[in-house]
Amino acid sequence: MRFRKTFGAILAEATAEQESTVPAEMRMKDWPTSYLGRLPIAQTDLASSARGFIDEARARRGKGQRPFYSTSANGQVLALCGKDSAFLALMQRADQIHADGTPMVLYSKLFSKTPLPERVATTDLVHDVAKAAQDAGVSFYFLGATEEVNARAVEEMRQRYPKLVFAGRRNGYFSRDEEDAIVAEVNAAKPDILWIGLGVPLEQQFLDRNIERLTGVGVVKTSGGLFDFISGKNSRAPHWMQASGLEWLYRLWLEPRRLAVRYLTTNPQALGALIRHSR
């Protein structure tokens, strides 16, 4: 039985390369989900998600319709969903929610009837999508972070993926009054995939107000602090810490003043949400 597996065996399953469990012909909106911590989490892996982004972007190109909306859940998100019903509703309106946290994957392998294949971290996904986008002619747009970080992130991606097309970029410092202009600017650029990194919950709120008007975009992915990591402003934890679900501890070591209180409050709340509101 699943709950009798050793932690090491479960961890190995969570971190090993796995074959896609999603038929190629299925659109992302049709993928099965696991209900964890109040949210329907997509049963997918990095490879399937990357292919799905490319397929959705190409299928929606030039159609002038609402983009496919993908977001992510981690401990902070699960905790916020428990405290804020309005934010929970925002998350539930997304077309897809990735598990961007190893603890969620491990919990599903221990207790869920439908365990998740692996963690789908946006910091990993963006590179898988970029590799495929080069050959598919799928374009990116980076929206978020400071002007310096945003520019550095785009330049880093261009260096790593020389054939990747950027339709545009913009920093994330703008007011509500400027949103009409931002939407018009993005639509005019017609990016296949819009990566939006304004942080939780600002990026979800921005999309709730504007997603129906982003008709020049194929896929939207909320990205949190993605651009900080791509640009080199922030470093990622060693792979063994990522695989063990300890990336949060590495980040706490780097930024104790900013993250200590957040982790002390959100981690227990997230665990409680998984225990009480999963199946």
C-alpha atoms as a PDB file:
ATOM      1  CA  MET A   1       0.000   0.000   0.000  1.00  0.00           C
ATOM      2  CA  ARG A   2       1.200   3.517  -0.818  1.00  0.00           C
ATOM      3  CA  PHE A   3       1.359   4.809   2.756  1.00  0.00           C
ATOM      4  CA  ARG A   4       3.716   1.978   3.740  1.00  0.00           C
ATOM      5  CA  LYS A   5       6.437   3.066   1.321  1.00  0.00           C
ATOM      6  CA  THR A   6       9.578   4.467   2.830  1.00  0.00           C
ATOM      7  CA  PHE A   7      10.194   8.185   2.559  1.00  0.00           C
ATOM      8  CA  GLY A   8      13.244   7.433   0.429  1.00  0.00           C
ATOM      9  CA  ALA A   9      11.184   5.427  -2.041  1.00  0.00           C
ATOM     10  CA  ILE A  10       8.568   8.141  -2.266  1.00  0.00           C
ATOM     11  CA  LEU A  11      11.248  10.779  -2.736  1.00  0.00           C
ATOM     12  CA  ALA A  12      12.851   8.738  -5.487  1.00  0.00           C
ATOM     13  CA  GLU A  13       9.510   8.513  -7.282  1.00  0.00           C
ATOM     14  CA  ALA A  14       8.999  12.251  -6.933  1.00  0.00           C
ATOM     15  CA  THR A  15      12.370  13.153  -8.379  1.00  0.00           C
ATOM     16  CA  ALA A  16      12.951  10.457 -11.004  1.00  0.00           C
ATOM     17  CA  GLU A  17      12.248  11.092 -14.657  1.00  0.00           C
ATOM     18  CA  GLN A  18       8.791   9.877 -15.521  1.00  0.00           C
ATOM     19  CA  GLU A  19       6.917   9.164 -18.731  1.00  0.00           C
ATOM     20  CA  SER A  20       4.032  11.471 -19.473  1.00  0.00           C
ATOM     21  CA  THR A  21       0.698  10.213 -18.152  1.00  0.00           C
ATOM     22  CA  VAL A  22      -1.250  12.588 -20.391  1.00  0.00           C
ATOM     23  CA  PRO A  23      -2.205  11.532 -23.925  1.00  0.00           C
ATOM     24  CA  ALA A  24      -0.726  13.934 -26.476  1.00  0.00           C
ATOM     25  CA  GLU A  25      -4.087  14.580 -28.115  1.00  0.00           C
ATOM     26  CA  MET A  26      -5.669  15.938 -24.932  1.00  0.00           C
ATOM     27  CA  ARG A  27      -5.860  19.712 -24.488  1.00  0.00           C
ATOM     28  CA  MET A  28      -4.587  21.024 -21.160  1.00  0.00           C
ATOM     29  CA  LYS A  29      -8.053  21.960 -19.943  1.00  0.00           C
ATOM     30  CA  ASP A  30      -9.031  18.287 -20.146  1.00  0.00           C
ATOM     31  CA  TRP A  31      -6.170  16.936 -18.044  1.00  0.00           C
ATOM     32  CA  PRO A  32      -7.095  15.055 -14.841  1.00  0.00           C
ATOM     33  CA  THR A  33      -6.529  16.725 -11.483  1.00  0.00           C
ATOM     34  CA  SER A  34      -5.837  15.845  -7.861  1.00  0.00           C
ATOM     35  CA  TYR A  35      -7.732  17.748  -5.168  1.00  0.00           C
ATOM     36  CA  LEU A  36      -5.128  19.035  -2.704  1.00  0.00           C
ATOM     37  CA  GLY A  37      -5.512  21.779  -0.108  1.00  0.00           C
ATOM     38  CA  ARG A  38      -8.776  23.056  -1.633  1.00  0.00           C
ATOM     39  CA  LEU A  39      -7.388  23.232  -5.181  1.00  0.00           C
ATOM     40  CA  PRO A  40      -7.591  21.018  -8.298  1.00  0.00           C
ATOM     41  CA  ILE A  41      -3.928  20.367  -9.113  1.00  0.00           C
ATOM     42  CA  ALA A  42      -3.039  19.181 -12.622  1.00  0.00           C
ATOM     43  CA  GLN A  43      -1.717  15.623 -12.811  1.00  0.00           C
ATOM     44  CA  THR A  44       1.166  16.424 -15.099  1.00  0.00           C
ATOM     45  CA  ASP A  45       4.924  16.559 -15.311  1.00  0.00           C
ATOM     46  CA  LEU A  46       7.363  19.093 -16.740  1.00  0.00           C
ATOM     47  CA  ALA A  47       7.619  17.484 -20.162  1.00  0.00           C
ATOM     48  CA  SER A  48       3.859  17.214 -20.659  1.00  0.00           C
ATOM     49  CA  SER A  49       3.292  20.747 -19.410  1.00  0.00           C
ATOM     50  CA  ALA A  50       5.874  22.155 -21.797  1.00  0.00           C
ATOM     51  CA  ARG A  51       4.329  20.338 -24.751  1.00  0.00           C
ATOM     52  CA  GLY A  52       0.897  21.477 -23.641  1.00  0.00           C
ATOM     53  CA  PHE A  53       1.985  25.130 -23.565  1.00  0.00           C
ATOM     54  CA  ILE A  54       3.345  24.884 -27.096  1.00  0.00           C
ATOM     55  CA  ASP A  55       0.223  23.123 -28.392  1.00  0.00           C
ATOM     56  CA  GLU A  56      -2.176  25.562 -26.718  1.00  0.00           C
ATOM     57  CA  ALA A  57      -0.207  28.595 -27.904  1.00  0.00           C
ATOM     58  CA  ARG A  58      -0.184  27.436 -31.508  1.00  0.00           C
ATOM     59  CA  ALA A  59      -3.834  26.396 -31.462  1.00  0.00           C
ATOM     60  CA  ARG A  60      -4.948  29.796 -30.165  1.00  0.00           C
ATOM     61  CA  ARG A  61      -2.686  31.936 -32.346  1.00  0.00           C
ATOM     62  CA  GLY A  62      -4.642  34.611 -34.225  1.00  0.00           C
ATOM     63  CA  LYS A  63      -8.015  33.462 -32.864  1.00  0.00           C
ATOM     64  CA  GLY A  64      -8.643  36.632 -30.817  1.00  0.00           C
ATOM     65  CA  GLN A  65      -9.922  34.636 -27.847  1.00  0.00           C
ATOM     66  CA  ARG A  66      -9.248  34.484 -24.140  1.00  0.00           C
ATOM     67  CA  PRO A  67      -5.815  32.934 -23.439  1.00  0.00           C
ATOM     68  CA  PHE A  68      -5.306  29.647 -21.634  1.00  0.00           C
ATOM     69  CA  TYR A  69      -4.541  30.537 -18.007  1.00  0.00           C
ATOM     70  CA  SER A  70      -2.039  28.468 -16.010  1.00  0.00           C
ATOM     71  CA  THR A  71      -1.000  29.264 -12.443  1.00  0.00           C
ATOM     72  CA  SER A  72       0.806  27.462  -9.605  1.00  0.00           C
ATOM     73  CA  ALA A  73       0.270  26.515  -5.974  1.00  0.00           C
ATOM     74  CA  ASN A  74       2.813  26.207  -3.165  1.00  0.00           C
ATOM     75  CA  GLY A  75       2.663  26.516   0.615  1.00  0.00           C
ATOM     76  CA  GLN A  76       2.088  30.255   0.525  1.00  0.00           C
ATOM     77  CA  VAL A  77      -0.784  29.854  -1.935  1.00  0.00           C
ATOM     78  CA  LEU A  78      -2.442  27.050   0.057  1.00  0.00           C
ATOM     79  CA  ALA A  79      -2.235  29.133   3.225  1.00  0.00           C
ATOM     80  CA  LEU A  80      -3.657  32.211   1.526  1.00  0.00           C
ATOM     81  CA  CYS A  81      -6.524  30.190   0.050  1.00  0.00           C
ATOM     82  CA  GLY A  82      -7.482  29.140   3.576  1.00  0.00           C
ATOM     83  CA  LYS A  83      -7.505  32.711   4.873  1.00  0.00           C
ATOM     84  CA  ASP A  84      -8.962  34.555   1.892  1.00  0.00           C
ATOM     85  CA  SER A  85     -12.020  33.152   0.131  1.00  0.00           C
ATOM     86  CA  ALA A  86     -11.725  35.794  -2.597  1.00  0.00           C
ATOM     87  CA  PHE A  87      -8.211  34.630  -3.427  1.00  0.00           C
ATOM     88  CA  LEU A  88      -9.364  31.002  -3.388  1.00  0.00           C
ATOM     89  CA  ALA A  89     -11.995  31.942  -5.965  1.00  0.00           C
ATOM     90  CA  LEU A  90      -9.306  33.604  -8.102  1.00  0.00           C
ATOM     91  CA  MET A  91      -7.209  30.440  -8.063  1.00  0.00           C
ATOM     92  CA  GLN A  92     -10.179  28.243  -8.891  1.00  0.00           C
ATOM     93  CA  ARG A  93     -10.912  30.324 -11.994  1.00  0.00           C
ATOM     94  CA  ALA A  94      -7.577  29.350 -13.559  1.00  0.00           C
ATOM     95  CA  ASP A  95      -7.624  26.759 -16.332  1.00  0.00           C
ATOM     96  CA  GLN A  96      -4.704  24.868 -14.815  1.00  0.00           C
ATOM     97  CA  ILE A  97      -2.855  24.809 -11.474  1.00  0.00           C
ATOM     98  CA  HIS A  98       0.613  23.301 -11.191  1.00  0.00           C
ATOM     99  CA  ALA A  99       2.105  21.895  -7.991  1.00  0.00           C
ATOM    100  CA  ASP A 100       5.099  24.182  -7.461  1.00  0.00           C
ATOM    101  CA  GLY A 101       6.159  22.510  -4.239  1.00  0.00           C
ATOM    102  CA  THR A 102       7.701  19.110  -3.514  1.00  0.00           C
ATOM    103  CA  PRO A 103       5.807  18.723  -0.195  1.00  0.00           C
ATOM    104  CA  MET A 104       2.537  18.756  -2.147  1.00  0.00           C
ATOM    105  CA  VAL A 105       3.811  15.991  -4.420  1.00  0.00           C
ATOM    106  CA  LEU A 106       5.079  13.900  -1.499  1.00  0.00           C
ATOM    107  CA  TYR A 107       1.799  14.330   0.366  1.00  0.00           C
ATOM    108  CA  SER A 108      -0.147  13.189  -2.703  1.00  0.00           C
ATOM    109  CA  LYS A 109       2.042  10.091  -3.012  1.00  0.00           C
ATOM    110  CA  LEU A 110       1.416   9.198   0.609  1.00  0.00           C
ATOM    111  CA  PHE A 111      -2.284   9.887   0.922  1.00  0.00           C
ATOM    112  CA  SER A 112      -3.990  10.800  -2.352  1.00  0.00           C
ATOM    113  CA  LYS A 113      -5.876   8.331  -4.517  1.00  0.00           C
ATOM    114  CA  THR A 114      -4.503  10.238  -7.501  1.00  0.00           C
ATOM    115  CA  PRO A 115      -0.835  11.068  -6.721  1.00  0.00           C
ATOM    116  CA  LEU A 116       0.986  13.716  -8.724  1.00  0.00           C
ATOM    117  CA  PRO A 117       3.812  12.605 -11.061  1.00  0.00           C
ATOM    118  CA  GLU A 118       6.261  15.334 -10.045  1.00  0.00           C
ATOM    119  CA  ARG A 119       6.733  18.944  -9.055  1.00  0.00           C
ATOM    120  CA  VAL A 120       6.231  21.439 -11.882  1.00  0.00           C
ATOM    121  CA  ALA A 121       8.228  24.464 -10.754  1.00  0.00           C
ATOM    122  CA  THR A 122       7.883  27.510 -12.978  1.00  0.00           C
ATOM    123  CA  THR A 123      11.629  28.084 -12.653  1.00  0.00           C
ATOM    124  CA  ASP A 124      12.146  24.722 -14.401  1.00  0.00           C
ATOM    125  CA  LEU A 125       9.138  24.864 -16.712  1.00  0.00           C
ATOM    126  CA  VAL A 126      10.202  28.090 -18.416  1.00  0.00           C
ATOM    127  CA  HIS A 127      13.366  26.389 -19.691  1.00  0.00           C
ATOM    128  CA  ASP A 128      11.553  23.291 -20.945  1.00  0.00           C
ATOM    129  CA  VAL A 129       9.072  25.510 -22.777  1.00  0.00           C
ATOM    130  CA  ALA A 130      11.841  27.721 -24.181  1.00  0.00           C
ATOM    131  CA  LYS A 131      13.679  24.737 -25.649  1.00  0.00           C
ATOM    132  CA  ALA A 132      10.549  23.585 -27.439  1.00  0.00           C
ATOM    133  CA  ALA A 133       9.506  27.116 -28.407  1.00  0.00           C
ATOM    134  CA  GLN A 134      12.709  27.649 -30.387  1.00  0.00           C
ATOM    135  CA  ASP A 135      11.793  24.971 -32.916  1.00  0.00           C
ATOM    136  CA  ALA A 136       8.054  25.647 -32.821  1.00  0.00           C
ATOM    137  CA  GLY A 137       8.394  29.383 -33.469  1.00  0.00           C
ATOM    138  CA  VAL A 138       6.470  30.186 -30.279  1.00  0.00           C
ATOM    139  CA  SER A 139       7.167  33.639 -28.847  1.00  0.00           C
ATOM    140  CA  PHE A 140       7.514  34.886 -25.252  1.00  0.00           C
ATOM    141  CA  TYR A 141       6.660  38.089 -23.399  1.00  0.00           C
ATOM    142  CA  PHE A 142       8.033  38.810 -19.912  1.00  0.00           C
ATOM    143  CA  LEU A 143       5.879  41.114 -17.763  1.00  0.00           C
ATOM    144  CA  GLY A 144       7.051  41.854 -14.230  1.00  0.00           C
ATOM    145  CA  ALA A 145       9.937  42.616 -11.837  1.00  0.00           C
ATOM    146  CA  THR A 146      12.056  45.764 -11.948  1.00  0.00           C
ATOM    147  CA  GLU A 147      13.254  47.200 -15.239  1.00  0.00           C
ATOM    148  CA  GLU A 148      16.798  45.998 -14.578  1.00  0.00           C
ATOM    149  CA  VAL A 149      15.796  42.473 -13.569  1.00  0.00           C
ATOM    150  CA  ASN A 150      13.320  42.131 -16.435  1.00  0.00           C
ATOM    151  CA  ALA A 151      15.892  43.215 -19.027  1.00  0.00           C
ATOM    152  CA  ARG A 152      18.554  40.911 -17.580  1.00  0.00           C
ATOM    153  CA  ALA A 153      16.128  37.981 -17.544  1.00  0.00           C
ATOM    154  CA  VAL A 154      15.276  38.479 -21.216  1.00  0.00           C
ATOM    155  CA  GLU A 155      18.935  38.796 -22.158  1.00  0.00           C
ATOM    156  CA  GLU A 156      19.814  35.631 -20.231  1.00  0.00           C
ATOM    157  CA  MET A 157      17.072  33.682 -22.017  1.00  0.00           C
ATOM    158  CA  ARG A 158      18.245  34.973 -25.383  1.00  0.00           C
ATOM    159  CA  GLN A 159      21.775  33.855 -24.650  1.00  0.00           C
ATOM    160  CA  ARG A 160      20.685  30.405 -23.530  1.00  0.00           C
ATOM    161  CA  TYR A 161      18.147  29.935 -26.334  1.00  0.00           C
ATOM    162  CA  PRO A 162      19.403  31.877 -29.382  1.00  0.00           C
ATOM    163  CA  LYS A 163      16.401  31.010 -31.570  1.00  0.00           C
ATOM    164  CA  LEU A 164      13.809  31.975 -28.958  1.00  0.00           C
ATOM    165  CA  VAL A 165      11.645  34.893 -30.101  1.00  0.00           C
ATOM    166  CA  PHE A 166      10.674  37.598 -27.626  1.00  0.00           C
ATOM    167  CA  ALA A 167       7.600  39.527 -28.725  1.00  0.00           C
ATOM    168  CA  GLY A 168       8.256  42.049 -25.971  1.00  0.00           C
ATOM    169  CA  ARG A 169       8.885  42.727 -22.319  1.00  0.00           C
ATOM    170  CA  ARG A 170       7.887  45.208 -19.630  1.00  0.00           C
ATOM    171  CA  ASN A 171       8.652  45.767 -15.957  1.00  0.00           C
ATOM    172  CA  GLY A 172       5.955  45.163 -13.376  1.00  0.00           C
ATOM    173  CA  TYR A 173       5.827  48.636 -11.878  1.00  0.00           C
ATOM    174  CA  PHE A 174       2.607  50.217 -13.070  1.00  0.00           C
ATOM    175  CA  SER A 175      -0.614  51.491 -11.540  1.00  0.00           C
ATOM    176  CA  ARG A 176      -4.186  50.319 -12.024  1.00  0.00           C
ATOM    177  CA  ASP A 177      -4.720  53.375 -14.228  1.00  0.00           C
ATOM    178  CA  GLU A 178      -2.051  52.085 -16.607  1.00  0.00           C
ATOM    179  CA  GLU A 179      -3.506  48.617 -17.061  1.00  0.00           C
ATOM    180  CA  ASP A 180      -5.475  49.503 -20.198  1.00  0.00           C
ATOM    181  CA  ALA A 181      -2.251  50.627 -21.847  1.00  0.00           C
ATOM    182  CA  ILE A 182      -0.410  47.512 -20.645  1.00  0.00           C
ATOM    183  CA  VAL A 183      -3.091  45.226 -22.087  1.00  0.00           C
ATOM    184  CA  ALA A 184      -3.042  47.117 -25.382  1.00  0.00           C
ATOM    185  CA  GLU A 185       0.768  46.898 -25.510  1.00  0.00           C
ATOM    186  CA  VAL A 186       0.769  43.147 -24.899  1.00  0.00           C
ATOM    187  CA  ASN A 187      -2.005  42.522 -27.422  1.00  0.00           C
ATOM    188  CA  ALA A 188      -0.161  44.546 -30.037  1.00  0.00           C
ATOM    189  CA  ALA A 189       2.948  42.407 -29.501  1.00  0.00           C
ATOM    190  CA  LYS A 190       0.874  39.216 -29.952  1.00  0.00           C
ATOM    191  CA  PRO A 191       3.023  36.906 -27.807  1.00  0.00           C
ATOM    192  CA  ASP A 192       2.192  33.229 -27.864  1.00  0.00           C
ATOM    193  CA  ILE A 193       3.053  32.881 -24.161  1.00  0.00           C
ATOM    194  CA  LEU A 194       2.882  35.665 -21.581  1.00  0.00           C
ATOM    195  CA  TRP A 195       4.899  35.037 -18.425  1.00  0.00           C
ATOM    196  CA  ILE A 196       3.608  37.414 -15.753  1.00  0.00           C
ATOM    197  CA  GLY A 197       5.674  37.844 -12.588  1.00  0.00           C
ATOM    198  CA  LEU A 198       3.995  40.297 -10.246  1.00  0.00           C
ATOM    199  CA  GLY A 199       3.963  38.037  -7.182  1.00  0.00           C
ATOM    200  CA  VAL A 200       1.076  36.454  -5.283  1.00  0.00           C
ATOM    201  CA  PRO A 201      -1.686  37.663  -5.185  1.00  0.00           C
ATOM    202  CA  LEU A 202      -1.088  40.664  -7.484  1.00  0.00           C
ATOM    203  CA  GLU A 203      -0.626  38.586 -10.634  1.00  0.00           C
ATOM    204  CA  GLN A 204      -3.842  36.632 -10.054  1.00  0.00           C
ATOM    205  CA  GLN A 205      -5.730  39.870  -9.365  1.00  0.00           C
ATOM    206  CA  PHE A 206      -4.315  41.491 -12.499  1.00  0.00           C
ATOM    207  CA  LEU A 207      -5.465  38.562 -14.613  1.00  0.00           C
ATOM    208  CA  ASP A 208      -8.893  38.493 -13.014  1.00  0.00           C
ATOM    209  CA  ARG A 209      -9.366  42.080 -14.161  1.00  0.00           C
ATOM    210  CA  ASN A 210      -7.817  41.722 -17.589  1.00  0.00           C
ATOM    211  CA  ILE A 211      -7.642  38.168 -18.909  1.00  0.00           C
ATOM    212  CA  GLU A 212     -10.763  38.453 -21.062  1.00  0.00           C
ATOM    213  CA  ARG A 213      -9.128  41.396 -22.848  1.00  0.00           C
ATOM    214  CA  LEU A 214      -5.769  39.690 -23.501  1.00  0.00           C
ATOM    215  CA  THR A 215      -7.010  38.419 -26.835  1.00  0.00           C
ATOM    216  CA  GLY A 216      -3.628  38.691 -28.549  1.00  0.00           C
ATOM    217  CA  VAL A 217      -2.096  36.098 -26.204  1.00  0.00           C
ATOM    218  CA  GLY A 218      -2.211  32.313 -26.475  1.00  0.00           C
ATOM    219  CA  VAL A 219      -1.155  31.179 -23.001  1.00  0.00           C
ATOM    220  CA  VAL A 220      -0.669  33.109 -19.745  1.00  0.00           C
ATOM    221  CA  LYS A 221       1.497  31.706 -16.959  1.00  0.00           C
ATOM    222  CA  THR A 222       1.734  33.380 -13.550  1.00  0.00           C
ATOM    223  CA  SER A 223       5.381  33.291 -12.564  1.00  0.00           C
ATOM    224  CA  GLY A 224       5.948  34.804  -9.116  1.00  0.00           C
ATOM    225  CA  GLY A 225       9.639  35.601  -8.689  1.00  0.00           C
ATOM    226  CA  LEU A 226      10.717  33.779 -11.865  1.00  0.00           C
ATOM    227  CA  PHE A 227      12.553  36.742 -13.373  1.00  0.00           C
ATOM    228  CA  ASP A 228      14.634  37.212 -10.218  1.00  0.00           C
ATOM    229  CA  PHE A 229      15.953  33.679 -10.651  1.00  0.00           C
ATOM    230  CA  ILE A 230      16.526  33.861 -14.412  1.00  0.00           C
ATOM    231  CA  SER A 231      18.374  37.165 -14.102  1.00  0.00           C
ATOM    232  CA  GLY A 232      20.644  35.819 -11.373  1.00  0.00           C
ATOM    233  CA  LYS A 233      19.364  38.215  -8.725  1.00  0.00           C
ATOM    234  CA  ASN A 234      18.290  35.209  -6.651  1.00  0.00           C
ATOM    235  CA  SER A 235      19.950  31.792  -6.668  1.00  0.00           C
ATOM    236  CA  ARG A 236      18.159  28.460  -6.515  1.00  0.00           C
ATOM    237  CA  ALA A 237      18.820  25.824  -3.891  1.00  0.00           C
ATOM    238  CA  PRO A 238      21.096  22.868  -4.676  1.00  0.00           C
ATOM    239  CA  HIS A 239      19.271  20.123  -6.536  1.00  0.00           C
ATOM    240  CA  TRP A 240      19.196  17.783  -3.533  1.00  0.00           C
ATOM    241  CA  MET A 241      17.398  20.450  -1.486  1.00  0.00           C
ATOM    242  CA  GLN A 242      14.886  21.038  -4.292  1.00  0.00           C
ATOM    243  CA  ALA A 243      14.244  17.300  -4.560  1.00  0.00           C
ATOM    244  CA  SER A 244      13.844  16.948  -0.786  1.00  0.00           C
ATOM    245  CA  GLY A 245      11.300  19.739  -0.552  1.00  0.00           C
ATOM    246  CA  LEU A 246      13.780  21.954   1.294  1.00  0.00           C
ATOM    247  CA  GLU A 247      14.135  24.796  -1.195  1.00  0.00           C
ATOM    248  CA  TRP A 248      12.174  26.974   1.205  1.00  0.00           C
ATOM    249  CA  LEU A 249      14.900  26.400   3.827  1.00  0.00           C
ATOM    250  CA  TYR A 250      17.584  27.553   1.401  1.00  0.00           C
ATOM    251  CA  ARG A 251      15.603  30.690   0.597  1.00  0.00           C
ATOM    252  CA  LEU A 252      15.099  31.304   4.305  1.00  0.00           C
ATOM    253  CA  TRP A 253      18.862  31.119   4.805  1.00  0.00           C
ATOM    254  CA  LEU A 254      19.352  33.719   2.043  1.00  0.00           C
ATOM    255  CA  GLU A 255      16.565  36.069   3.155  1.00  0.00           C
ATOM    256  CA  PRO A 256      15.828  35.426   6.852  1.00  0.00           C
ATOM    257  CA  ARG A 257      14.339  38.833   7.629  1.00  0.00           C
ATOM    258  CA  ARG A 258      11.856  38.760   4.766  1.00  0.00           C
ATOM    259  CA  LEU A 259      10.863  35.093   4.870  1.00  0.00           C
ATOM    260  CA  ALA A 260      11.095  33.933   8.495  1.00  0.00           C
ATOM    261  CA  VAL A 261       7.684  35.171   9.617  1.00  0.00           C
ATOM    262  CA  ARG A 262       6.056  34.101   6.351  1.00  0.00           C
ATOM    263  CA  TYR A 263       7.317  30.540   6.555  1.00  0.00           C
ATOM    264  CA  LEU A 264       6.575  30.194  10.256  1.00  0.00           C
ATOM    265  CA  THR A 265       2.951  31.058   9.570  1.00  0.00           C
ATOM    266  CA  THR A 266       2.265  29.671   6.101  1.00  0.00           C
ATOM    267  CA  ASN A 267       3.989  26.276   6.365  1.00  0.00           C
ATOM    268  CA  PRO A 268       1.784  24.996   9.227  1.00  0.00           C
ATOM    269  CA  GLN A 269      -1.292  26.466   7.545  1.00  0.00           C
ATOM    270  CA  ALA A 270      -0.410  24.780   4.256  1.00  0.00           C
ATOM    271  CA  LEU A 271       0.119  21.427   5.967  1.00  0.00           C
ATOM    272  CA  GLY A 272      -3.227  21.801   7.720  1.00  0.00           C
ATOM    273  CA  ALA A 273      -4.910  22.571   4.403  1.00  0.00           C
ATOM    274  CA  LEU A 274      -3.412  19.451   2.839  1.00  0.00           C
ATOM    275  CA  ILE A 275      -4.549  17.273   5.747  1.00  0.00           C
ATOM    276  CA  ARG A 276      -8.085  18.676   6.025  1.00  0.00           C
ATOM    277  CA  HIS A 277      -8.895  19.633   2.451  1.00  0.00           C
ATOM    278  CA  SER A 278      -7.472  16.943   0.184  1.00  0.00           C
ATOM    279  CA  ARG A 279      -8.787  13.705  -1.209  1.00  0.00           C
END
